[in-house]
Protein backbone atom coordinates (compact mmCIF):
# COMPACT_ATOMS: atom_id res chain seq x y z
CA MET A 1 27.25 13.26 0.68
CA SER A 2 24.92 16.16 1.75
CA ASP A 3 24.30 17.15 5.32
CA ALA A 4 20.68 18.05 4.58
CA PRO A 5 18.10 15.89 6.40
CA HIS A 6 16.66 13.04 4.33
CA LEU A 7 12.88 12.82 4.32
CA LEU A 8 11.10 9.71 5.12
CA ILE A 9 7.40 9.13 5.10
CA ALA A 10 5.67 6.46 7.15
CA ASP A 11 2.89 4.61 5.39
CA VAL A 12 0.57 1.73 6.02
CA ALA A 13 -0.69 -0.81 3.59
CA GLN A 14 -3.79 -2.67 4.70
CA VAL A 15 -4.40 -5.56 2.30
CA LEU A 16 -7.96 -6.63 2.70
CA LEU A 17 -7.77 -10.28 1.50
CA ARG A 18 -10.66 -12.55 0.43
CA ALA A 19 -10.28 -16.41 0.80
CA ASN A 20 -10.13 -16.63 -3.11
CA GLY A 21 -6.72 -14.64 -3.06
CA THR A 22 -8.07 -11.49 -4.24
CA ALA A 23 -7.01 -8.23 -2.48
CA LEU A 24 -9.02 -4.91 -2.29
CA CYS A 25 -7.47 -1.95 -4.30
CA VAL A 26 -8.43 1.46 -5.06
CA ARG A 27 -8.09 3.20 -8.46
CA ARG A 28 -6.64 6.56 -8.07
CA ARG A 29 -8.17 9.50 -9.86
CA PRO A 30 -6.22 10.66 -12.96
CA ASP A 31 -5.84 14.13 -11.31
CA THR A 32 -4.09 12.81 -8.24
CA ALA A 33 -0.29 13.13 -7.75
CA LEU A 34 0.44 9.56 -6.52
CA ALA A 35 -0.15 6.78 -8.98
CA PRO A 36 -2.74 8.61 -11.20
CA GLY A 37 -5.14 6.09 -12.83
CA GLN A 38 -3.43 3.08 -11.39
CA LEU A 39 -4.74 0.42 -8.88
CA THR A 40 -3.12 0.62 -5.56
CA VAL A 41 -3.45 -1.18 -2.18
CA VAL A 42 -5.52 0.35 0.45
CA GLY A 43 -3.50 2.63 2.81
CA GLY A 44 -1.51 5.77 2.85
CA HIS A 45 0.46 8.16 4.97
CA LEU A 46 0.14 7.56 8.65
CA GLU A 47 -1.17 10.91 10.12
CA ALA A 48 -0.65 12.15 13.57
CA GLY A 49 -3.27 10.49 15.98
CA GLU A 50 -4.30 7.91 13.29
CA THR A 51 -4.30 4.23 14.29
CA LEU A 52 -3.57 1.31 11.98
CA ASP A 53 -7.10 -0.09 12.32
CA HIS A 54 -8.78 2.64 10.43
CA THR A 55 -9.00 2.62 6.65
CA GLU A 56 -10.26 5.98 5.44
CA GLU A 57 -10.32 4.88 1.66
CA THR A 58 -12.76 1.98 2.26
CA GLY A 59 -14.69 3.04 5.20
CA VAL A 60 -14.16 -0.22 7.15
CA ARG A 61 -12.62 -0.88 10.55
CA ILE A 62 -10.04 -3.51 11.17
CA SER A 63 -9.41 -4.42 14.74
CA GLY A 64 -5.93 -5.27 15.90
CA GLU A 65 -6.68 -8.96 16.46
CA HIS A 66 -7.93 -9.32 12.88
CA GLN A 67 -4.88 -8.00 11.10
CA GLU A 68 -1.47 -9.55 10.73
CA PHE A 69 1.83 -7.73 10.28
CA CYS A 70 3.54 -9.05 7.14
CA GLY A 71 6.39 -7.08 6.27
CA LEU A 72 7.97 -3.85 5.36
CA VAL A 73 8.57 -2.06 2.00
CA HIS A 74 11.31 0.62 1.76
CA HIS A 75 10.70 2.51 -1.32
CA HIS A 76 13.21 4.91 -2.71
CA VAL A 77 12.17 8.06 -4.71
CA ALA A 78 14.88 9.23 -7.03
CA GLY A 79 15.90 12.91 -6.73
CA ASP A 80 14.76 14.99 -3.84
CA GLY A 81 11.55 13.25 -2.97
CA PRO A 82 10.95 11.69 0.32
CA ASP A 83 11.57 7.84 0.67
CA ARG A 84 8.78 5.81 2.19
CA ILE A 85 8.69 2.89 4.83
CA THR A 86 5.36 0.92 4.59
CA ALA A 87 4.24 -1.38 7.06
CA VAL A 88 2.18 -4.12 5.34
CA PHE A 89 -0.70 -5.62 7.23
CA VAL A 90 -3.24 -8.44 5.97
CA ALA A 91 -6.72 -8.71 7.23
CA HIS A 92 -9.03 -11.45 6.44
CA SER A 93 -12.09 -9.99 8.14
CA TRP A 94 -13.16 -6.33 8.91
CA MET A 95 -16.19 -4.53 10.19
CA GLY A 96 -18.37 -2.76 7.60
CA GLU A 97 -18.95 -2.95 3.80
CA PRO A 98 -16.16 -1.59 1.77
CA HIS A 99 -16.95 1.40 -0.27
CA ASN A 100 -15.24 4.18 -1.92
CA ALA A 101 -15.14 6.53 1.01
CA GLU A 102 -12.79 9.09 -0.75
CA PRO A 103 -14.38 9.69 -4.15
CA ASP A 104 -12.46 12.86 -4.57
CA LYS A 105 -9.11 10.72 -4.66
CA HIS A 106 -10.37 7.43 -6.05
CA GLU A 107 -12.59 6.28 -8.97
CA GLY A 108 -13.64 3.12 -7.19
CA LEU A 109 -12.64 -0.13 -5.44
CA PHE A 110 -11.70 -3.39 -7.11
CA TRP A 111 -10.73 -6.89 -6.01
CA VAL A 112 -7.58 -7.87 -7.76
CA SER A 113 -5.79 -11.17 -7.88
CA MET A 114 -2.43 -11.22 -5.94
CA GLU A 115 -1.07 -14.16 -8.01
CA LYS A 116 -1.95 -12.30 -11.31
CA PRO A 117 -2.34 -8.63 -10.79
CA SER A 118 -3.89 -6.47 -13.36
CA PRO A 119 -1.49 -4.78 -15.60
CA ASP A 120 -2.78 -1.41 -14.37
CA CYS A 121 -1.63 -2.10 -10.79
CA HIS A 122 1.02 0.34 -9.57
CA SER A 123 4.51 -1.29 -9.46
CA TYR A 124 4.51 -0.70 -5.70
CA THR A 125 1.10 -2.75 -5.29
CA THR A 126 2.49 -5.62 -7.41
CA ALA A 127 5.65 -5.64 -5.31
CA ILE A 128 3.61 -5.83 -2.13
CA PHE A 129 1.55 -8.74 -3.66
CA GLN A 130 4.70 -10.52 -4.59
CA MET A 131 6.12 -10.14 -1.20
CA LEU A 132 2.86 -11.48 0.35
CA THR A 133 2.56 -14.56 -2.06
CA HIS A 134 6.33 -15.40 -2.43
CA GLY A 135 8.26 -13.66 0.30
CA PRO A 136 10.56 -12.36 1.60
CA SER A 137 8.95 -10.02 4.19
CA TYR A 138 10.95 -7.14 3.31
CA ARG A 139 11.36 -5.34 0.04
CA ALA A 140 13.73 -2.42 -1.06
CA LEU A 141 12.25 -0.80 -4.19
CA ASN A 142 13.89 1.50 -6.62
CA TRP A 143 17.20 1.75 -4.75
CA PRO A 144 20.27 2.19 -6.84
CA THR A 145 22.01 -1.14 -7.27
CA GLN A 146 24.46 -0.71 -4.42
CA GLY A 147 21.69 0.16 -2.06
CA GLY A 148 19.12 -2.50 -2.38
CA THR A 149 17.10 -4.76 -4.74
CA GLU A 150 14.81 -4.24 -7.58
């Protein structure tokens, strides 16, 4: 085993959920490094000084009392890439009208069924939807068989 430090990135996923069971997703531009052309949940890297109640991608604000912590996803990246820990929150209400606030990164916003996600949803997004609709509240993704599930 290597003594080199292992990189771990903290992410947040903010699932804006409508009463009909659809969640707001962004479609990544084809020229982006992360999930090019695929639908992903709203969220991303937690930057220094950034609070969990701000969604840069959609331009809405979610106050702490309107979001519920629903679980963690620990996503392994094969090779030398950094692994990710994502805190997943669900919000049923927010302030402002969702819009594509980062057109340089996203082609648009789309409401996606959590029970029957679109085939072009990133596997990470599909796993979050599965976790929210069927449990459990923790998912280990892409880990070798001895280190986790899926």
